[in-house]
Amino acid sequence: MVGEDGWCRHFDTGSRRCRIYAERPDFCRVDQLVALFGQPGDDPEALAIASCKQQIRAELGGRHTVMHRFLRTIAQPS
């Protein structure tokens, strides 16, 4: 699923949206993350955020504008 640029091949970088969101695989679903990758009691949202941060840091670096924008977005109240 990972393209040559390091991002999912279904991620539209222009719109920053998933092209197959409704049909995405289980490992892309936040509610499935703990079952697939976590420990009992892990918060699915926190696990998803940690995964996204790790991907951004690995591909673009921790000081990239995408990381800053992501951190601003997750800091906003829902």
PDB file of N, CA and C in Angstrom:
ATOM      1  N   MET A   1       0.814  -1.203   0.000  1.00  0.00           N
ATOM      2  CA  MET A   1       0.000   0.000   0.000  1.00  0.00           C
ATOM      3  C   MET A   1       0.860   1.270   0.000  1.00  0.00           C
ATOM      4  N   VAL A   2       2.129   1.141   0.310  1.00  0.00           N
ATOM      5  CA  VAL A   2       2.980   2.324   0.380  1.00  0.00           C
ATOM      6  C   VAL A   2       3.585   2.596  -0.991  1.00  0.00           C
ATOM      7  N   GLY A   3       3.407   3.839  -1.455  1.00  0.00           N
ATOM      8  CA  GLY A   3       3.954   4.230  -2.742  1.00  0.00           C
ATOM      9  C   GLY A   3       5.422   4.597  -2.639  1.00  0.00           C
ATOM     10  N   GLU A   4       6.006   4.938  -3.763  1.00  0.00           N
ATOM     11  CA  GLU A   4       7.434   5.279  -3.794  1.00  0.00           C
ATOM     12  C   GLU A   4       7.759   6.528  -2.985  1.00  0.00           C
ATOM     13  N   ASP A   5       6.760   7.387  -2.772  1.00  0.00           N
ATOM     14  CA  ASP A   5       6.991   8.611  -2.005  1.00  0.00           C
ATOM     15  C   ASP A   5       6.869   8.391  -0.499  1.00  0.00           C
ATOM     16  N   GLY A   6       6.547   7.147  -0.086  1.00  0.00           N
ATOM     17  CA  GLY A   6       6.434   6.838   1.330  1.00  0.00           C
ATOM     18  C   GLY A   6       5.031   6.963   1.884  1.00  0.00           C
ATOM     19  N   TRP A   7       4.124   7.534   1.129  1.00  0.00           N
ATOM     20  CA  TRP A   7       2.738   7.684   1.561  1.00  0.00           C
ATOM     21  C   TRP A   7       1.899   6.570   0.969  1.00  0.00           C
ATOM     22  N   CYS A   8       0.769   6.322   1.548  1.00  0.00           N
ATOM     23  CA  CYS A   8      -0.159   5.324   1.023  1.00  0.00           C
ATOM     24  C   CYS A   8      -0.510   5.684  -0.420  1.00  0.00           C
ATOM     25  N   ARG A   9      -0.578   4.675  -1.263  1.00  0.00           N
ATOM     26  CA  ARG A   9      -0.861   4.948  -2.680  1.00  0.00           C
ATOM     27  C   ARG A   9      -2.286   5.436  -2.894  1.00  0.00           C
ATOM     28  N   HIS A  10      -3.141   5.338  -1.877  1.00  0.00           N
ATOM     29  CA  HIS A  10      -4.519   5.816  -1.984  1.00  0.00           C
ATOM     30  C   HIS A  10      -4.709   7.205  -1.371  1.00  0.00           C
ATOM     31  N   PHE A  11      -3.624   7.783  -0.876  1.00  0.00           N
ATOM     32  CA  PHE A  11      -3.698   9.119  -0.276  1.00  0.00           C
ATOM     33  C   PHE A  11      -3.510  10.163  -1.355  1.00  0.00           C
ATOM     34  N   ASP A  12      -4.489  11.054  -1.482  1.00  0.00           N
ATOM     35  CA  ASP A  12      -4.414  12.152  -2.449  1.00  0.00           C
ATOM     36  C   ASP A  12      -3.731  13.323  -1.754  1.00  0.00           C
ATOM     37  N   THR A  13      -2.478  13.582  -2.122  1.00  0.00           N
ATOM     38  CA  THR A  13      -1.720  14.626  -1.446  1.00  0.00           C
ATOM     39  C   THR A  13      -2.278  16.019  -1.726  1.00  0.00           C
ATOM     40  N   GLY A  14      -2.949  16.190  -2.856  1.00  0.00           N
ATOM     41  CA  GLY A  14      -3.535  17.491  -3.170  1.00  0.00           C
ATOM     42  C   GLY A  14      -4.671  17.843  -2.230  1.00  0.00           C
ATOM     43  N   SER A  15      -5.599  16.921  -2.059  1.00  0.00           N
ATOM     44  CA  SER A  15      -6.755  17.172  -1.191  1.00  0.00           C
ATOM     45  C   SER A  15      -6.508  16.702   0.235  1.00  0.00           C
ATOM     46  N   ARG A  16      -5.396  15.947   0.424  1.00  0.00           N
ATOM     47  CA  ARG A  16      -5.058  15.357   1.717  1.00  0.00           C
ATOM     48  C   ARG A  16      -6.183  14.451   2.220  1.00  0.00           C
ATOM     49  N   ARG A  17      -6.715  13.665   1.305  1.00  0.00           N
ATOM     50  CA  ARG A  17      -7.798  12.736   1.645  1.00  0.00           C
ATOM     51  C   ARG A  17      -7.517  11.355   1.071  1.00  0.00           C
ATOM     52  N   CYS A  18      -8.124  10.377   1.683  1.00  0.00           N
ATOM     53  CA  CYS A  18      -8.025   9.004   1.219  1.00  0.00           C
ATOM     54  C   CYS A  18      -8.995   8.794   0.062  1.00  0.00           C
ATOM     55  N   ARG A  19      -8.493   8.204  -1.012  1.00  0.00           N
ATOM     56  CA  ARG A  19      -9.332   7.952  -2.187  1.00  0.00           C
ATOM     57  C   ARG A  19     -10.260   6.758  -1.996  1.00  0.00           C
ATOM     58  N   ILE A  20      -9.969   5.884  -1.036  1.00  0.00           N
ATOM     59  CA  ILE A  20     -10.775   4.675  -0.824  1.00  0.00           C
ATOM     60  C   ILE A  20     -11.328   4.637   0.598  1.00  0.00           C
ATOM     61  N   TYR A  21     -11.590   5.783   1.183  1.00  0.00           N
ATOM     62  CA  TYR A  21     -11.948   5.854   2.600  1.00  0.00           C
ATOM     63  C   TYR A  21     -13.077   4.893   2.977  1.00  0.00           C
ATOM     64  N   ALA A  22     -14.144   4.866   2.209  1.00  0.00           N
ATOM     65  CA  ALA A  22     -15.288   4.005   2.546  1.00  0.00           C
ATOM     66  C   ALA A  22     -14.927   2.521   2.471  1.00  0.00           C
ATOM     67  N   GLU A  23     -13.969   2.174   1.643  1.00  0.00           N
ATOM     68  CA  GLU A  23     -13.571   0.769   1.459  1.00  0.00           C
ATOM     69  C   GLU A  23     -12.173   0.486   2.008  1.00  0.00           C
ATOM     70  N   ARG A  24     -11.646   1.343   2.873  1.00  0.00           N
ATOM     71  CA  ARG A  24     -10.276   1.187   3.361  1.00  0.00           C
ATOM     72  C   ARG A  24     -10.122  -0.108   4.149  1.00  0.00           C
ATOM     73  N   PRO A  25      -8.906  -0.651   4.167  1.00  0.00           N
ATOM     74  CA  PRO A  25      -8.668  -1.904   4.895  1.00  0.00           C
ATOM     75  C   PRO A  25      -8.722  -1.703   6.412  1.00  0.00           C
ATOM     76  N   ASP A  26      -8.826  -2.817   7.133  1.00  0.00           N
ATOM     77  CA  ASP A  26      -8.946  -2.764   8.595  1.00  0.00           C
ATOM     78  C   ASP A  26      -7.824  -1.990   9.260  1.00  0.00           C
ATOM     79  N   PHE A  27      -6.580  -2.140   8.776  1.00  0.00           N
ATOM     80  CA  PHE A  27      -5.481  -1.470   9.460  1.00  0.00           C
ATOM     81  C   PHE A  27      -5.511   0.046   9.287  1.00  0.00           C
ATOM     82  N   CYS A  28      -6.381   0.554   8.428  1.00  0.00           N
ATOM     83  CA  CYS A  28      -6.561   1.999   8.273  1.00  0.00           C
ATOM     84  C   CYS A  28      -7.712   2.522   9.130  1.00  0.00           C
ATOM     85  N   ARG A  29      -8.409   1.659   9.771  1.00  0.00           N
ATOM     86  CA  ARG A  29      -9.573   2.047  10.590  1.00  0.00           C
ATOM     87  C   ARG A  29      -9.131   2.216  12.041  1.00  0.00           C
ATOM     88  N   VAL A  30      -9.383   3.403  12.580  1.00  0.00           N
ATOM     89  CA  VAL A  30      -8.940   3.717  13.941  1.00  0.00           C
ATOM     90  C   VAL A  30      -9.471   2.696  14.932  1.00  0.00           C
ATOM     91  N   ASP A  31     -10.729   2.272  14.775  1.00  0.00           N
ATOM     92  CA  ASP A  31     -11.296   1.339  15.737  1.00  0.00           C
ATOM     93  C   ASP A  31     -10.644  -0.043  15.681  1.00  0.00           C
ATOM     94  N   GLN A  32      -9.885  -0.335  14.636  1.00  0.00           N
ATOM     95  CA  GLN A  32      -9.202  -1.623  14.508  1.00  0.00           C
ATOM     96  C   GLN A  32      -7.729  -1.559  14.924  1.00  0.00           C
ATOM     97  N   LEU A  33      -7.195  -0.370  15.132  1.00  0.00           N
ATOM     98  CA  LEU A  33      -5.767  -0.229  15.408  1.00  0.00           C
ATOM     99  C   LEU A  33      -5.308  -0.978  16.651  1.00  0.00           C
ATOM    100  N   VAL A  34      -6.061  -0.881  17.713  1.00  0.00           N
ATOM    101  CA  VAL A  34      -5.643  -1.547  18.949  1.00  0.00           C
ATOM    102  C   VAL A  34      -5.612  -3.057  18.755  1.00  0.00           C
ATOM    103  N   ALA A  35      -6.635  -3.597  18.094  1.00  0.00           N
ATOM    104  CA  ALA A  35      -6.670  -5.042  17.865  1.00  0.00           C
ATOM    105  C   ALA A  35      -5.487  -5.494  17.003  1.00  0.00           C
ATOM    106  N   LEU A  36      -5.101  -4.660  16.050  1.00  0.00           N
ATOM    107  CA  LEU A  36      -4.044  -5.044  15.126  1.00  0.00           C
ATOM    108  C   LEU A  36      -2.637  -4.722  15.633  1.00  0.00           C
ATOM    109  N   PHE A  37      -2.470  -3.556  16.290  1.00  0.00           N
ATOM    110  CA  PHE A  37      -1.123  -3.082  16.604  1.00  0.00           C
ATOM    111  C   PHE A  37      -0.893  -2.711  18.059  1.00  0.00           C
ATOM    112  N   GLY A  38      -1.942  -2.659  18.853  1.00  0.00           N
ATOM    113  CA  GLY A  38      -1.793  -2.131  20.201  1.00  0.00           C
ATOM    114  C   GLY A  38      -1.798  -3.176  21.294  1.00  0.00           C
ATOM    115  N   GLN A  39      -1.910  -2.668  22.488  1.00  0.00           N
ATOM    116  CA  GLN A  39      -1.996  -3.480  23.688  1.00  0.00           C
ATOM    117  C   GLN A  39      -3.389  -3.285  24.276  1.00  0.00           C
ATOM    118  N   PRO A  40      -3.899  -4.267  25.000  1.00  0.00           N
ATOM    119  CA  PRO A  40      -5.200  -4.081  25.647  1.00  0.00           C
ATOM    120  C   PRO A  40      -5.206  -2.803  26.482  1.00  0.00           C
ATOM    121  N   GLY A  41      -6.246  -2.029  26.334  1.00  0.00           N
ATOM    122  CA  GLY A  41      -6.375  -0.777  27.074  1.00  0.00           C
ATOM    123  C   GLY A  41      -5.851   0.445  26.344  1.00  0.00           C
ATOM    124  N   ASP A  42      -5.158   0.256  25.217  1.00  0.00           N
ATOM    125  CA  ASP A  42      -4.674   1.403  24.437  1.00  0.00           C
ATOM    126  C   ASP A  42      -5.850   2.208  23.895  1.00  0.00           C
ATOM    127  N   ASP A  43      -5.676   3.498  23.823  1.00  0.00           N
ATOM    128  CA  ASP A  43      -6.673   4.391  23.247  1.00  0.00           C
ATOM    129  C   ASP A  43      -6.494   4.404  21.727  1.00  0.00           C
ATOM    130  N   PRO A  44      -7.520   3.997  20.954  1.00  0.00           N
ATOM    131  CA  PRO A  44      -7.375   3.945  19.493  1.00  0.00           C
ATOM    132  C   PRO A  44      -6.986   5.289  18.874  1.00  0.00           C
ATOM    133  N   GLU A  45      -7.548   6.372  19.379  1.00  0.00           N
ATOM    134  CA  GLU A  45      -7.233   7.687  18.816  1.00  0.00           C
ATOM    135  C   GLU A  45      -5.772   8.046  19.072  1.00  0.00           C
ATOM    136  N   ALA A  46      -5.293   7.787  20.279  1.00  0.00           N
ATOM    137  CA  ALA A  46      -3.893   8.080  20.607  1.00  0.00           C
ATOM    138  C   ALA A  46      -2.949   7.228  19.760  1.00  0.00           C
ATOM    139  N   LEU A  47      -3.317   5.981  19.515  1.00  0.00           N
ATOM    140  CA  LEU A  47      -2.500   5.106  18.682  1.00  0.00           C
ATOM    141  C   LEU A  47      -2.468   5.609  17.240  1.00  0.00           C
ATOM    142  N   ALA A  48      -3.604   6.081  16.739  1.00  0.00           N
ATOM    143  CA  ALA A  48      -3.662   6.627  15.378  1.00  0.00           C
ATOM    144  C   ALA A  48      -2.812   7.885  15.263  1.00  0.00           C
ATOM    145  N   ILE A  49      -2.899   8.764  16.242  1.00  0.00           N
ATOM    146  CA  ILE A  49      -2.108   9.995  16.233  1.00  0.00           C
ATOM    147  C   ILE A  49      -0.623   9.672  16.280  1.00  0.00           C
ATOM    148  N   ALA A  50      -0.234   8.734  17.120  1.00  0.00           N
ATOM    149  CA  ALA A  50       1.175   8.340  17.203  1.00  0.00           C
ATOM    150  C   ALA A  50       1.667   7.763  15.878  1.00  0.00           C
ATOM    151  N   SER A  51       0.834   6.977  15.222  1.00  0.00           N
ATOM    152  CA  SER A  51       1.199   6.399  13.921  1.00  0.00           C
ATOM    153  C   SER A  51       1.387   7.492  12.873  1.00  0.00           C
ATOM    154  N   CYS A  52       0.483   8.452  12.850  1.00  0.00           N
ATOM    155  CA  CYS A  52       0.589   9.553  11.890  1.00  0.00           C
ATOM    156  C   CYS A  52       1.848  10.378  12.144  1.00  0.00           C
ATOM    157  N   LYS A  53       2.120  10.689  13.404  1.00  0.00           N
ATOM    158  CA  LYS A  53       3.324  11.453  13.727  1.00  0.00           C
ATOM    159  C   LYS A  53       4.579  10.710  13.289  1.00  0.00           C
ATOM    160  N   GLN A  54       4.594   9.409  13.531  1.00  0.00           N
ATOM    161  CA  GLN A  54       5.751   8.606  13.146  1.00  0.00           C
ATOM    162  C   GLN A  54       5.942   8.624  11.634  1.00  0.00           C
ATOM    163  N   GLN A  55       4.859   8.512  10.880  1.00  0.00           N
ATOM    164  CA  GLN A  55       4.947   8.530   9.418  1.00  0.00           C
ATOM    165  C   GLN A  55       5.441   9.884   8.905  1.00  0.00           C
ATOM    166  N   ILE A  56       4.884  10.953   9.429  1.00  0.00           N
ATOM    167  CA  ILE A  56       5.300  12.292   8.996  1.00  0.00           C
ATOM    168  C   ILE A  56       6.774  12.508   9.327  1.00  0.00           C
ATOM    169  N   ARG A  57       7.166  12.154  10.547  1.00  0.00           N
ATOM    170  CA  ARG A  57       8.560  12.339  10.975  1.00  0.00           C
ATOM    171  C   ARG A  57       9.512  11.524  10.093  1.00  0.00           C
ATOM    172  N   ALA A  58       9.129  10.294   9.776  1.00  0.00           N
ATOM    173  CA  ALA A  58       9.998   9.428   8.970  1.00  0.00           C
ATOM    174  C   ALA A  58      10.124   9.929   7.534  1.00  0.00           C
ATOM    175  N   GLU A  59       9.048  10.445   6.976  1.00  0.00           N
ATOM    176  CA  GLU A  59       9.059  10.863   5.574  1.00  0.00           C
ATOM    177  C   GLU A  59       9.528  12.296   5.367  1.00  0.00           C
ATOM    178  N   LEU A  60       9.149  13.185   6.292  1.00  0.00           N
ATOM    179  CA  LEU A  60       9.396  14.607   6.066  1.00  0.00           C
ATOM    180  C   LEU A  60      10.246  15.271   7.140  1.00  0.00           C
ATOM    181  N   GLY A  61      10.354  14.641   8.285  1.00  0.00           N
ATOM    182  CA  GLY A  61      11.091  15.235   9.392  1.00  0.00           C
ATOM    183  C   GLY A  61      10.158  15.886  10.396  1.00  0.00           C
ATOM    184  N   GLY A  62      10.605  15.942  11.620  1.00  0.00           N
ATOM    185  CA  GLY A  62       9.782  16.466  12.700  1.00  0.00           C
ATOM    186  C   GLY A  62       9.541  17.957  12.672  1.00  0.00           C
ATOM    187  N   ARG A  63      10.300  18.697  11.848  1.00  0.00           N
ATOM    188  CA  ARG A  63      10.143  20.148  11.798  1.00  0.00           C
ATOM    189  C   ARG A  63       9.466  20.620  10.512  1.00  0.00           C
ATOM    190  N   HIS A  64       8.991  19.681   9.704  1.00  0.00           N
ATOM    191  CA  HIS A  64       8.356  20.014   8.426  1.00  0.00           C
ATOM    192  C   HIS A  64       7.017  20.712   8.668  1.00  0.00           C
ATOM    193  N   THR A  65       6.607  21.530   7.722  1.00  0.00           N
ATOM    194  CA  THR A  65       5.330  22.246   7.855  1.00  0.00           C
ATOM    195  C   THR A  65       4.149  21.288   7.985  1.00  0.00           C
ATOM    196  N   VAL A  66       4.227  20.122   7.373  1.00  0.00           N
ATOM    197  CA  VAL A  66       3.141  19.149   7.501  1.00  0.00           C
ATOM    198  C   VAL A  66       3.015  18.708   8.963  1.00  0.00           C
ATOM    199  N   MET A  67       4.137  18.504   9.638  1.00  0.00           N
ATOM    200  CA  MET A  67       4.094  18.126  11.052  1.00  0.00           C
ATOM    201  C   MET A  67       3.491  19.249  11.883  1.00  0.00           C
ATOM    202  N   HIS A  68       3.907  20.474  11.625  1.00  0.00           N
ATOM    203  CA  HIS A  68       3.352  21.612  12.382  1.00  0.00           C
ATOM    204  C   HIS A  68       1.848  21.728  12.167  1.00  0.00           C
ATOM    205  N   ARG A  69       1.421  21.557  10.942  1.00  0.00           N
ATOM    206  CA  ARG A  69      -0.011  21.644  10.632  1.00  0.00           C
ATOM    207  C   ARG A  69      -0.768  20.497  11.308  1.00  0.00           C
ATOM    208  N   PHE A  70      -0.195  19.296  11.285  1.00  0.00           N
ATOM    209  CA  PHE A  70      -0.830  18.147  11.938  1.00  0.00           C
ATOM    210  C   PHE A  70      -0.971  18.399  13.440  1.00  0.00           C
ATOM    211  N   LEU A  71       0.090  18.878  14.069  1.00  0.00           N
ATOM    212  CA  LEU A  71       0.048  19.128  15.511  1.00  0.00           C
ATOM    213  C   LEU A  71      -0.965  20.210  15.862  1.00  0.00           C
ATOM    214  N   ARG A  72      -1.041  21.256  15.038  1.00  0.00           N
ATOM    215  CA  ARG A  72      -2.053  22.291  15.262  1.00  0.00           C
ATOM    216  C   ARG A  72      -3.458  21.706  15.149  1.00  0.00           C
ATOM    217  N   THR A  73      -3.660  20.863  14.169  1.00  0.00           N
ATOM    218  CA  THR A  73      -4.978  20.285  13.936  1.00  0.00           C
ATOM    219  C   THR A  73      -5.420  19.392  15.083  1.00  0.00           C
ATOM    220  N   ILE A  74      -4.527  18.545  15.566  1.00  0.00           N
ATOM    221  CA  ILE A  74      -4.921  17.644  16.657  1.00  0.00           C
ATOM    222  C   ILE A  74      -5.061  18.385  17.991  1.00  0.00           C
ATOM    223  N   ALA A  75      -4.469  19.566  18.102  1.00  0.00           N
ATOM    224  CA  ALA A  75      -4.586  20.349  19.341  1.00  0.00           C
ATOM    225  C   ALA A  75      -5.914  21.084  19.427  1.00  0.00           C
ATOM    226  N   GLN A  76      -6.583  21.244  18.285  1.00  0.00           N
ATOM    227  CA  GLN A  76      -7.871  21.965  18.272  1.00  0.00           C
ATOM    228  C   GLN A  76      -8.931  21.120  18.954  1.00  0.00           C
ATOM    229  N   PRO A  77      -9.781  21.770  19.765  1.00  0.00           N
ATOM    230  CA  PRO A  77     -10.855  21.008  20.409  1.00  0.00           C
ATOM    231  C   PRO A  77     -11.832  20.465  19.371  1.00  0.00           C
ATOM    232  N   SER A  78     -12.337  19.252  19.611  1.00  0.00           N
ATOM    233  CA  SER A  78     -13.277  18.629  18.665  1.00  0.00           C
ATOM    234  C   SER A  78     -14.659  19.200  18.812  1.00  0.00           C
TER     235      SER A  78
END
